[in-house]
């Protein structure tokens, strides 16, 4: 485990958070 590994994990978490936020935003807009 090193900086590169941490970066990949952080990137995946960031993408997942962004996707979740987008879904919540769309759901709120529809509702």
Protein backbone atom coordinates (compact mmCIF):
# COMPACT_ATOMS: atom_id res chain seq x y z
CA UNK A 1 0.00 0.00 0.00
CA UNK A 2 1.37 3.36 -0.99
CA UNK A 3 0.35 6.81 -2.20
CA UNK A 4 -0.79 5.38 -5.54
CA UNK A 5 -3.02 2.80 -3.85
CA UNK A 6 -4.48 5.44 -1.55
CA UNK A 7 -5.09 7.67 -4.55
CA UNK A 8 -7.00 4.91 -6.34
CA UNK A 9 -9.14 4.22 -3.27
CA UNK A 10 -9.82 7.94 -2.80
CA UNK A 11 -10.72 8.28 -6.48
CA UNK A 12 -13.17 5.38 -6.29
CA UNK A 13 -14.75 6.78 -3.13
CA UNK A 14 -15.01 10.20 -4.76
CA UNK A 15 -16.70 8.74 -7.85
CA UNK A 16 -19.08 6.71 -5.68
CA UNK A 17 -19.95 9.80 -3.63
CA UNK A 18 -20.49 11.81 -6.80
CA UNK A 19 -22.77 9.14 -8.25
CA UNK A 20 -24.77 8.94 -5.01
CA UNK A 21 -25.13 12.73 -4.93
CA UNK A 22 -26.26 12.76 -8.55
CA UNK A 23 -28.86 10.05 -7.88
CA UNK A 24 -30.16 11.92 -4.82
CA UNK A 25 -30.32 15.17 -6.81
CA UNK A 26 -32.23 13.55 -9.67
CA UNK A 27 -34.58 11.78 -7.25
CA UNK A 28 -35.28 15.04 -5.39
CA UNK A 29 -35.89 16.81 -8.71
CA UNK A 30 -38.34 14.12 -9.86
CA UNK A 31 -40.13 13.99 -6.52
